[in-house]
Protein backbone atom coordinates (compact mmCIF):
# COMPACT_ATOMS: atom_id res chain seq x y z
CA MET A 1 -44.73 -10.65 -4.98
CA ILE A 2 -42.31 -8.93 -7.34
CA CYS A 3 -39.18 -6.85 -6.99
CA LYS A 4 -38.79 -4.04 -9.50
CA THR A 5 -35.27 -2.83 -10.29
CA HIS A 6 -33.89 -0.24 -12.66
CA TYR A 7 -30.35 -0.30 -13.95
CA SER A 8 -28.28 1.36 -16.64
CA ILE A 9 -25.77 -0.40 -18.89
CA HIS A 10 -23.94 1.90 -21.31
CA ARG A 11 -26.64 4.42 -20.44
CA ASN A 12 -29.36 2.25 -22.00
CA LYS A 13 -32.08 1.75 -19.42
CA LYS A 14 -33.80 -1.59 -18.90
CA GLU A 15 -36.45 -2.77 -16.52
CA LEU A 16 -36.54 -6.24 -15.02
CA ILE A 17 -39.42 -7.82 -13.10
CA LEU A 18 -38.00 -10.50 -10.79
CA PRO A 19 -40.13 -12.74 -8.54
CA LEU A 20 -39.08 -13.11 -4.90
CA GLY A 21 -38.08 -16.71 -5.59
CA HIS A 22 -35.87 -15.80 -8.54
CA PRO A 23 -32.34 -17.34 -8.18
CA LYS A 24 -30.68 -13.91 -8.28
CA ILE A 25 -32.86 -12.59 -5.46
CA LEU A 26 -32.22 -15.73 -3.40
CA LEU A 27 -28.50 -15.36 -4.03
CA LEU A 28 -28.54 -11.80 -2.74
CA LEU A 29 -30.47 -12.79 0.36
CA ASN A 30 -28.08 -15.64 1.11
CA MET A 31 -25.10 -13.31 0.79
CA LEU A 32 -26.69 -10.85 3.19
CA LYS A 33 -27.13 -13.41 5.97
CA PRO A 34 -23.54 -13.47 7.30
CA LEU A 35 -23.38 -9.67 7.30
CA ASN A 36 -26.42 -9.10 9.49
CA ASN A 37 -27.04 -9.74 13.14
CA ARG A 38 -30.69 -10.32 12.43
CA ASN A 39 -32.00 -13.50 10.92
CA LEU A 40 -33.53 -12.51 7.61
CA LYS A 41 -36.75 -14.47 7.28
CA LEU A 42 -38.52 -13.32 4.16
CA ILE A 43 -41.78 -15.06 3.39
CA SER A 44 -44.46 -14.39 0.84
CA SER A 45 -46.52 -12.40 3.34
CA ILE A 46 -43.91 -9.62 3.69
CA SER A 47 -45.49 -6.33 2.84
CA LEU A 48 -44.95 -4.76 -0.57
CA LEU A 49 -43.51 -1.71 1.18
CA TYR A 50 -40.68 -3.78 2.69
CA ILE A 51 -39.90 -5.35 -0.67
CA ILE A 52 -39.66 -1.93 -2.27
CA MET A 53 -37.28 -0.78 0.49
CA PHE A 54 -35.04 -3.75 -0.18
CA CYS A 55 -35.11 -3.90 -3.96
CA GLY A 56 -36.27 -0.53 -5.18
CA THR A 57 -34.28 2.60 -5.90
CA VAL A 58 -33.48 4.19 -2.53
CA THR A 59 -32.29 7.73 -1.97
CA VAL A 60 -28.80 7.54 -0.44
CA GLN A 61 -27.93 10.35 1.93
CA GLY A 62 -24.36 10.87 0.72
CA GLN A 63 -21.84 13.36 2.05
CA GLY A 64 -21.27 16.16 -0.43
CA ILE A 65 -22.77 14.22 -3.36
CA SER A 66 -26.37 14.10 -4.52
CA PRO A 67 -27.23 10.42 -3.97
CA SER A 68 -29.93 10.42 -6.61
CA ASP A 69 -27.24 10.77 -9.26
CA TRP A 70 -25.73 7.36 -8.57
CA LYS A 71 -26.29 4.90 -11.41
CA PHE A 72 -25.06 1.41 -12.17
CA GLU A 73 -22.99 0.55 -15.21
CA SER A 74 -20.95 -2.31 -16.65
CA GLN A 75 -18.66 -2.49 -19.66
CA ARG A 76 -20.83 -5.31 -21.03
CA LYS A 77 -24.16 -6.59 -19.80
CA GLU A 78 -22.84 -10.17 -19.95
CA ILE A 79 -20.22 -9.47 -17.27
CA ALA A 80 -22.31 -7.21 -15.05
CA PRO A 81 -22.29 -8.10 -11.34
CA ALA A 82 -25.51 -8.18 -9.37
CA TRP A 83 -26.29 -4.77 -7.85
CA TYR A 84 -28.82 -3.12 -5.59
CA VAL A 85 -29.31 -0.42 -2.98
CA ASP A 86 -29.37 -2.02 0.45
CA SER A 87 -31.43 -0.54 3.29
CA LEU A 88 -30.49 -3.38 5.66
CA ILE A 89 -26.71 -3.03 5.57
CA THR A 90 -26.28 0.67 6.26
CA TYR A 91 -23.46 3.17 6.78
CA LYS A 92 -24.27 5.53 9.67
CA GLY A 93 -27.94 4.77 9.19
CA ASN A 94 -27.97 5.36 5.44
CA PRO A 95 -28.49 2.68 2.76
CA THR A 96 -25.45 1.38 0.92
CA LEU A 97 -24.61 0.86 -2.74
CA THR A 98 -24.06 -2.87 -3.14
CA LEU A 99 -22.31 -5.05 -5.72
CA THR A 100 -21.87 -8.82 -5.70
CA GLY A 101 -20.22 -11.27 -8.09
CA GLY A 102 -23.39 -13.27 -8.59
CA GLY A 103 -21.38 -16.39 -9.30
CA LYS A 104 -19.48 -14.79 -12.20
CA GLU A 105 -15.73 -15.06 -11.96
CA TYR A 106 -15.52 -12.44 -14.73
CA SER A 107 -17.98 -9.98 -13.18
CA ASN A 108 -17.08 -6.30 -13.56
CA GLY A 109 -19.23 -3.26 -12.90
CA HIS A 110 -19.55 -0.06 -10.92
CA TRP A 111 -21.76 2.62 -9.47
CA TYR A 112 -20.99 6.07 -10.88
CA THR A 113 -21.89 9.71 -10.50
CA VAL A 114 -20.61 12.98 -11.95
CA VAL A 115 -19.96 16.14 -9.91
CA LYS A 116 -18.74 19.63 -10.74
CA VAL A 117 -15.17 20.61 -9.82
CA GLU A 118 -13.04 23.74 -9.86
CA PRO A 119 -9.83 23.68 -11.93
CA GLY A 120 -6.66 24.06 -9.90
CA GLU A 121 -8.43 23.47 -6.59
CA TYR A 122 -7.91 20.49 -4.26
CA PHE A 123 -10.62 17.94 -3.52
CA GLN A 124 -10.62 14.98 -1.16
CA PHE A 125 -12.33 11.81 -2.27
CA GLN A 126 -13.49 9.32 0.32
CA THR A 127 -15.68 6.26 0.34
CA ASN A 128 -16.10 3.50 2.89
CA PHE A 129 -16.82 -0.13 2.24
CA ILE A 130 -17.42 -3.41 4.01
CA ALA A 131 -16.94 -6.67 2.15
CA SER A 132 -17.29 -10.41 2.57
CA ASN A 133 -15.83 -13.41 0.71
CA VAL A 134 -13.53 -11.26 -1.44
CA GLU A 135 -10.17 -12.93 -2.16
CA GLU A 136 -8.10 -9.83 -3.00
CA PRO A 137 -9.87 -6.63 -1.89
CA SER A 138 -7.14 -4.30 -3.21
CA ARG A 139 -7.64 -5.74 -6.69
CA ASN A 140 -11.36 -6.50 -6.63
CA ILE A 141 -12.70 -3.42 -4.80
CA LEU A 142 -11.64 0.06 -5.80
CA ALA A 143 -12.68 3.57 -6.70
CA ARG A 144 -11.75 5.52 -9.79
CA ILE A 145 -11.95 9.24 -10.62
CA ILE A 146 -12.07 10.38 -14.23
CA TRP A 147 -11.56 14.09 -14.91
CA GLN A 148 -13.74 15.45 -17.72
CA ASN A 149 -13.52 18.69 -19.72
CA ARG A 150 -16.41 20.87 -20.84
CA SER A 151 -17.24 18.35 -23.57
CA GLY A 152 -17.29 15.46 -21.12
CA GLN A 153 -14.07 14.01 -22.53
CA LEU A 154 -11.19 12.63 -20.48
CA THR A 155 -8.58 15.17 -19.43
CA GLY A 156 -5.49 14.51 -17.35
CA TYR A 157 -5.14 11.01 -15.91
CA ALA A 158 -7.62 8.66 -14.30
CA GLU A 159 -7.02 8.51 -10.55
CA TYR A 160 -7.10 5.41 -8.33
CA PRO A 161 -7.31 6.51 -4.68
CA VAL A 162 -5.63 4.26 -2.16
CA THR A 163 -7.27 1.97 0.35
CA VAL A 164 -6.16 2.97 3.84
CA LEU A 165 -4.61 0.04 5.70
CA ASP A 166 -6.41 0.69 8.99
CA LYS A 167 -10.16 0.08 9.25
CA THR A 168 -12.70 2.02 11.30
CA LYS A 169 -13.85 0.78 14.71
CA ASP A 170 -16.94 -0.64 13.00
CA GLY A 171 -14.83 -2.63 10.54
CA TRP A 172 -15.28 -0.41 7.47
CA SER A 173 -12.38 -0.03 5.06
CA ILE A 174 -11.59 3.45 3.76
CA ILE A 175 -10.56 4.59 0.28
CA LYS A 176 -9.27 8.15 0.52
CA GLN A 177 -6.95 10.57 -1.26
CA ILE A 178 -6.53 14.29 -2.03
CA TYR A 179 -6.21 15.44 -5.64
CA LYS A 180 -5.52 18.68 -7.48
CA VAL A 181 -8.10 19.21 -10.23
CA PRO A 182 -6.48 19.46 -13.71
CA ASP A 183 -6.71 22.84 -15.40
CA GLU A 184 -9.02 21.62 -18.17
CA ALA A 185 -11.34 19.63 -15.89
CA ARG A 186 -14.88 20.82 -15.20
CA THR A 187 -16.43 17.65 -13.81
CA ALA A 188 -15.26 14.48 -12.07
CA ARG A 189 -16.82 11.12 -12.75
CA MET A 190 -16.51 8.86 -9.70
CA GLU A 191 -16.82 5.11 -9.89
CA LEU A 192 -17.21 2.55 -7.10
CA VAL A 193 -16.00 -0.71 -8.61
CA TYR A 194 -16.36 -4.42 -7.91
CA ARG A 195 -14.78 -6.95 -10.26
CA TRP A 196 -13.34 -10.40 -10.91
CA ASP A 197 -14.58 -12.32 -7.89
CA PRO A 198 -17.63 -14.60 -8.18
CA ASP A 199 -18.44 -15.09 -4.51
CA GLY A 200 -17.89 -11.74 -2.82
CA ILE A 201 -20.12 -8.85 -1.90
CA VAL A 202 -19.26 -5.21 -1.16
CA HIS A 203 -21.29 -2.37 0.36
CA PHE A 204 -20.19 1.23 -0.29
CA GLY A 205 -21.30 4.06 1.99
CA GLY A 206 -20.53 7.62 3.02
CA THR A 207 -18.98 8.59 -0.31
CA SER A 208 -17.83 12.21 -0.51
CA PHE A 209 -15.84 14.50 -2.78
CA GLN A 210 -15.23 17.77 -1.01
CA LYS A 211 -13.07 20.81 -1.57
CA THR A 212 -10.11 20.96 0.78
CA THR A 213 -6.75 22.62 1.32
CA PRO A 214 -3.58 21.42 -0.47
CA PRO A 215 -1.83 18.57 1.36
CA LYS A 216 1.19 19.64 3.33
CA SER A 217 4.59 18.42 2.23
CA ARG A 218 5.85 15.49 4.28
CA ILE A 219 9.58 15.98 4.09
CA VAL A 220 11.89 13.30 5.42
CA ARG A 221 15.63 13.89 5.52
CA VAL A 222 17.24 10.52 4.76
CA ALA A 223 20.96 9.81 5.01
CA ALA A 224 23.20 6.98 3.82
CA ILE A 225 26.80 6.16 4.65
CA HIS A 226 29.41 4.76 2.25
CA HIS A 227 32.26 3.30 4.25
CA ARG A 228 34.22 0.02 4.32
CA PRO A 229 36.20 -0.68 7.52
CA ARG A 230 39.59 -2.22 6.78
CA ASN A 231 41.97 -4.13 9.04
CA SER A 232 39.82 -3.43 12.08
CA LYS A 233 40.95 -4.60 15.46
CA SER A 234 37.43 -5.55 16.49
CA SER A 235 33.74 -5.16 15.82
CA GLN A 236 33.76 -2.31 18.32
CA ASP A 237 36.38 -0.54 16.21
CA ASN A 238 33.97 -0.70 13.25
CA LEU A 239 31.18 0.76 15.32
CA ILE A 240 33.32 3.70 16.38
CA GLN A 241 34.18 4.42 12.73
CA PHE A 242 30.51 4.40 11.74
CA SER A 243 29.53 6.50 14.75
CA GLU A 244 31.73 9.34 13.52
CA LEU A 245 29.98 9.30 10.15
CA ILE A 246 26.55 9.16 11.78
CA SER A 247 27.48 12.32 13.68
CA LYS A 248 28.18 14.06 10.36
CA ALA A 249 24.72 13.11 9.13
CA ALA A 250 23.26 14.37 12.40
CA THR A 251 24.82 17.82 11.92
CA GLN A 252 22.79 18.01 8.69
CA LYS A 253 19.58 17.26 10.64
CA ALA A 254 19.04 13.79 9.19
CA ASP A 255 15.87 12.01 10.34
CA ILE A 256 17.19 8.53 9.58
CA VAL A 257 20.59 7.11 8.66
CA CYS A 258 21.24 3.88 6.77
CA LEU A 259 24.43 1.87 7.36
CA PRO A 260 25.65 -1.10 5.28
CA GLU A 261 25.24 -4.84 5.76
CA GLY A 262 27.27 -6.70 8.38
CA ILE A 263 28.90 -3.64 9.93
CA THR A 264 30.42 -5.67 12.80
CA LEU A 265 31.91 -8.25 10.41
CA VAL A 266 33.48 -6.43 7.44
CA GLY A 267 37.18 -5.66 7.88
CA THR A 268 37.57 -7.88 10.97
CA ASN A 269 38.90 -11.41 11.46
CA HIS A 270 35.43 -12.68 12.33
CA ASN A 271 33.19 -15.00 10.34
CA TYR A 272 29.39 -15.02 10.26
CA ILE A 273 29.14 -17.07 13.42
CA SER A 274 31.83 -15.48 15.53
CA ALA A 275 30.53 -11.98 14.71
CA SER A 276 26.99 -12.84 15.77
CA GLU A 277 25.36 -11.53 18.94
CA PRO A 278 21.93 -11.30 20.56
CA VAL A 279 19.41 -8.67 19.46
CA PRO A 280 18.97 -6.60 21.52
CA GLY A 281 22.63 -6.76 22.49
CA PRO A 282 25.89 -4.78 22.61
CA THR A 283 25.62 -3.33 19.08
CA THR A 284 22.02 -2.23 19.38
CA GLN A 285 22.89 -0.66 22.73
CA PHE A 286 25.82 1.24 21.15
CA LEU A 287 23.80 2.41 18.17
CA GLY A 288 20.81 3.22 20.38
CA ASP A 289 22.93 5.60 22.45
CA ILE A 290 24.00 7.39 19.26
CA ALA A 291 20.43 7.55 17.97
CA ARG A 292 19.21 9.04 21.24
CA LYS A 293 22.07 11.55 21.41
CA ASN A 294 21.39 12.78 17.85
CA ASN A 295 17.59 12.40 17.83
CA LEU A 296 17.49 10.24 14.69
CA TYR A 297 16.67 6.73 13.50
CA ILE A 298 19.43 4.29 12.53
CA VAL A 299 19.22 1.28 10.21
CA ALA A 300 22.18 -1.11 10.34
CA GLY A 301 23.05 -4.63 9.25
CA ILE A 302 24.54 -7.01 11.85
CA LEU A 303 24.72 -10.75 12.57
CA GLU A 304 22.13 -11.96 15.05
CA ARG A 305 22.43 -15.05 17.24
CA ASN A 306 19.23 -16.59 18.54
CA GLY A 307 19.75 -19.92 20.29
CA ASP A 308 21.27 -22.32 17.77
CA THR A 309 20.55 -20.09 14.79
CA VAL A 310 22.36 -17.13 13.26
CA PHE A 311 20.58 -14.59 11.05
CA ASN A 312 21.75 -11.81 8.77
CA THR A 313 19.69 -9.06 10.36
CA ALA A 314 18.93 -5.37 9.85
CA VAL A 315 17.99 -3.50 13.02
CA LEU A 316 16.05 -0.25 13.42
CA LEU A 317 16.80 2.06 16.36
CA ASP A 318 14.39 4.93 17.05
CA ARG A 319 15.09 8.51 18.14
CA SER A 320 14.91 7.48 21.79
CA GLY A 321 17.54 4.79 21.27
CA ASN A 322 15.11 1.90 21.55
CA LEU A 323 15.11 -1.14 19.30
CA ALA A 324 12.07 -0.34 17.11
CA GLY A 325 12.30 -3.48 15.02
CA LYS A 326 14.43 -5.93 13.09
CA TYR A 327 14.34 -7.77 9.79
CA ARG A 328 15.97 -11.15 9.21
CA LYS A 329 17.22 -11.56 5.65
CA VAL A 330 14.96 -13.94 3.74
CA SER A 331 16.87 -14.34 0.46
CA LEU A 332 20.24 -15.95 1.20
CA PRO A 333 23.06 -16.37 -1.36
CA ARG A 334 25.05 -19.58 -1.41
CA GLU A 335 27.96 -18.04 0.54
CA GLU A 336 25.75 -17.32 3.54
CA ILE A 337 24.02 -20.68 3.32
CA ASP A 338 27.40 -22.41 3.30
CA GLY A 339 28.48 -20.18 6.20
CA GLY A 340 25.67 -21.43 8.45
CA ILE A 341 23.20 -18.55 8.19
CA THR A 342 19.48 -19.31 8.60
CA PRO A 343 16.95 -17.39 6.46
CA GLY A 344 14.17 -15.27 7.91
CA ASN A 345 10.56 -15.87 6.95
CA SER A 346 8.71 -12.54 6.93
CA PHE A 347 8.82 -8.99 5.59
CA PRO A 348 7.77 -6.65 8.42
CA VAL A 349 7.18 -2.92 8.03
CA PHE A 350 7.75 -0.34 10.73
CA ASP A 351 5.93 2.84 11.73
CA THR A 352 8.10 5.89 12.34
CA ASP A 353 7.16 9.47 13.20
CA PHE A 354 7.47 10.40 9.51
CA GLY A 355 5.92 7.39 7.78
CA LYS A 356 6.05 3.65 7.23
CA ILE A 357 9.35 2.01 6.18
CA GLY A 358 10.59 -1.41 5.15
CA LEU A 359 14.00 -3.08 5.30
CA MET A 360 15.75 -5.39 2.84
CA ILE A 361 19.27 -6.79 2.88
CA CYS A 362 21.59 -7.26 -0.10
CA TRP A 363 20.52 -10.41 -2.04
CA ASP A 364 16.87 -9.58 -1.35
CA VAL A 365 17.08 -6.90 -4.05
CA THR A 366 17.75 -9.57 -6.69
CA PHE A 367 14.15 -10.75 -6.42
CA PRO A 368 10.93 -8.73 -6.91
CA GLU A 369 9.02 -10.37 -4.04
CA PRO A 370 10.66 -8.74 -0.98
CA ALA A 371 10.17 -5.16 -2.15
CA ARG A 372 6.66 -5.94 -3.41
CA ALA A 373 5.69 -7.46 -0.06
CA LEU A 374 6.91 -4.34 1.76
CA ALA A 375 5.08 -2.01 -0.62
CA GLN A 376 1.86 -4.00 -0.24
CA LYS A 377 2.12 -3.47 3.51
CA GLY A 378 2.44 0.28 3.03
CA ALA A 379 6.21 0.92 3.07
CA GLU A 380 6.94 4.36 1.62
CA ILE A 381 10.73 4.09 1.86
CA ILE A 382 12.80 0.91 1.66
CA PHE A 383 16.23 0.90 3.31
CA LEU A 384 18.79 -1.48 1.86
CA PRO A 385 21.96 -2.36 3.81
CA ILE A 386 23.93 -4.18 1.11
CA ALA A 387 27.46 -5.48 0.60
CA GLY A 388 27.25 -5.33 -3.18
CA GLY A 389 24.66 -5.86 -5.87
CA ASP A 390 23.14 -4.82 -9.16
CA VAL A 391 22.22 -1.15 -9.58
CA ILE A 392 19.72 -1.89 -12.35
CA LEU A 393 17.79 -4.29 -10.11
CA THR A 394 17.89 -1.75 -7.30
CA LYS A 395 16.40 0.90 -9.56
CA ALA A 396 13.76 -1.60 -10.72
CA ARG A 397 12.58 -2.22 -7.15
CA ALA A 398 12.02 1.49 -6.64
CA ILE A 399 10.20 1.88 -9.96
CA GLU A 400 7.96 -1.18 -9.85
CA ASN A 401 6.74 -0.34 -6.33
CA GLN A 402 6.84 3.46 -6.61
CA VAL A 403 8.83 3.88 -3.41
CA TYR A 404 11.99 5.71 -2.42
CA LEU A 405 14.91 3.35 -1.86
CA VAL A 406 18.03 4.11 0.19
CA SER A 407 21.10 1.90 -0.22
CA SER A 408 24.23 1.75 1.91
CA THR A 409 26.95 -0.45 0.49
CA TYR A 410 30.57 -1.41 0.15
CA ASP A 411 30.77 -2.51 -3.49
CA MET A 412 27.64 -1.12 -5.20
CA ILE A 413 26.60 2.53 -5.04
CA THR A 414 25.39 4.15 -1.86
CA ALA A 415 22.53 6.36 -2.98
CA VAL A 416 18.97 7.59 -2.64
CA PHE A 417 16.72 6.47 -5.52
CA ASP A 418 13.38 8.10 -6.35
CA GLN A 419 10.27 6.45 -7.85
CA GLU A 420 11.75 6.74 -11.34
CA GLY A 421 14.85 4.87 -10.21
CA THR A 422 16.84 8.05 -10.63
CA VAL A 423 19.78 8.55 -8.30
CA MET A 424 18.95 11.67 -6.32
CA LYS A 425 22.36 11.72 -4.67
CA GLU A 426 25.29 9.30 -4.45
CA ALA A 427 27.93 8.92 -1.74
CA THR A 428 31.59 8.24 -2.51
CA GLU A 429 34.74 7.44 -0.58
CA LYS A 430 35.62 11.15 -0.66
CA ASN A 431 32.09 12.15 0.32
CA PRO A 432 30.88 9.17 2.39
CA VAL A 433 27.80 10.83 3.91
CA ILE A 434 24.82 11.96 1.86
CA VAL A 435 21.64 13.61 3.11
CA VAL A 436 18.57 14.01 0.88
CA ASP A 437 15.12 15.48 1.44
CA VAL A 438 12.24 13.40 0.07
CA ASP A 439 8.57 14.40 0.09
CA LEU A 440 6.36 11.41 0.87
CA ASN A 441 3.22 13.36 -0.08
CA LYS A 442 4.39 14.30 -3.58
CA GLN A 443 2.43 12.56 -6.33
CA LYS A 444 4.43 11.14 -9.21
CA LEU A 445 2.64 11.23 -12.58
CA TRP A 446 4.08 9.12 -15.40
CA PRO A 447 3.49 9.94 -19.10
CA TRP A 448 0.54 7.90 -20.43
CA ILE A 449 0.22 6.05 -17.10
CA GLY A 450 -0.57 8.73 -14.54
CA ASP A 451 -0.21 7.80 -10.88
CA LEU A 452 1.38 4.36 -11.18
CA LYS A 453 1.51 3.95 -7.41
CA GLY A 454 -2.27 4.12 -7.24
CA ARG A 455 -2.66 1.59 -10.05
CA ILE A 456 -0.15 -1.10 -9.08
CA PHE A 457 -2.24 -3.01 -6.56
CA ARG A 458 -5.45 -2.43 -8.52
CA GLU A 459 -4.07 -4.06 -11.66
CA ILE A 460 -1.53 -6.51 -10.25
CA PRO A 461 -1.82 -10.17 -11.37
CA PRO A 462 -4.02 -12.20 -9.01
CA GLN A 463 -2.33 -14.38 -6.42
CA LYS A 464 -3.87 -17.53 -7.83
CA ALA A 465 -2.10 -16.84 -11.14
CA ILE A 466 1.27 -16.47 -9.41
CA HIS A 467 2.60 -19.67 -7.97
CA TYR A 468 6.02 -21.24 -7.89
CA LYS A 469 5.16 -24.80 -6.94
CA THR A 470 5.85 -27.33 -9.64
CA GLU A 471 2.85 -29.39 -10.57
């Protein structure tokens, strides 16, 4: 028996006749086994009709896109991944567009189609995929949208829609984003890409590109406080001072307020150890009462005691006054190490009613890894309680991860930074409370680059190339 396939590379059509025992066919069958509940037993007596269903060109019942327009393409035939339309692995009963590395570490190719669009209107792209044996899905599996003018030439910027962090109940990942069509665009070329992994396989299904309404603004009113307690009688005295400033932010309808690092230590006679307390504990109870009274979130740096260990910790209180989370500082400077502080070992992110946030503390901002880890987990705003640090590095963390960053400090600047690293507003001793509106749904387009946020995790260096262990 034979399997007849048609594929297009640089729009030049070829036809291959592959026997059922061909190594490429066997490879595809082996890769399908772990993804199916049924045991695939293909023998030479299988009917020709079944073979055609498996290997032939199948009409895909897409959503909003004519499935017959999907074609396969690779930049070079030498690096093309194996590809086929799969009627066994289906999405809602419809065959899927499949790509697999075929043993090539350098494989790179995509399915593509072109659809008409309306300039100035909004369209939502969505595709779903299920994958196996893929090392870095965010880098190896993606979609791309290329806007084309009347002549079929690129206009505007190529778009890289994001992969949603949560999967469907059936285990499918979702790539989805809303875009405004550029004024000169008349068509959109959509690509479903698999690249740079020899052993993986991906199935795309339910791809759509449908006209929709403009996304609503997602405004968050963030606040930061610039205040250094001096000659305080106690940690409680510090808390009372900060509570008065939080109240000022609350009168401006702040959604979340960021306080500095070590608010129960600075200005007192305490050291790291004597200022430490359990979490939850007295300070989180005090701040929780304020959060509940003013219907806002509070981020604050304190010293946490847990058994024999003491951590430099940032706590998050929600609008109801509950402890919504905490982050233990991972990157410790020598002073804290010498003072008996223990480092944390994770970078958690937290869901709020306005979006996902991450926390860093002071020395963390010196290194790219903490902010990058938070951004990879979906943080849209990073809050930075900090004693003092480098403003340039702080701006860099916002830029390289395309997030808003809010600092609250004693010796640096207390400010809100946008994705360009620009200071949107800065607090001072005379004006210690700042409140800024940020729109988490606003797309930032860079000259020459386009939407950098969408590209970062598609083009980031692979993990296997980044290692810090000495050989």
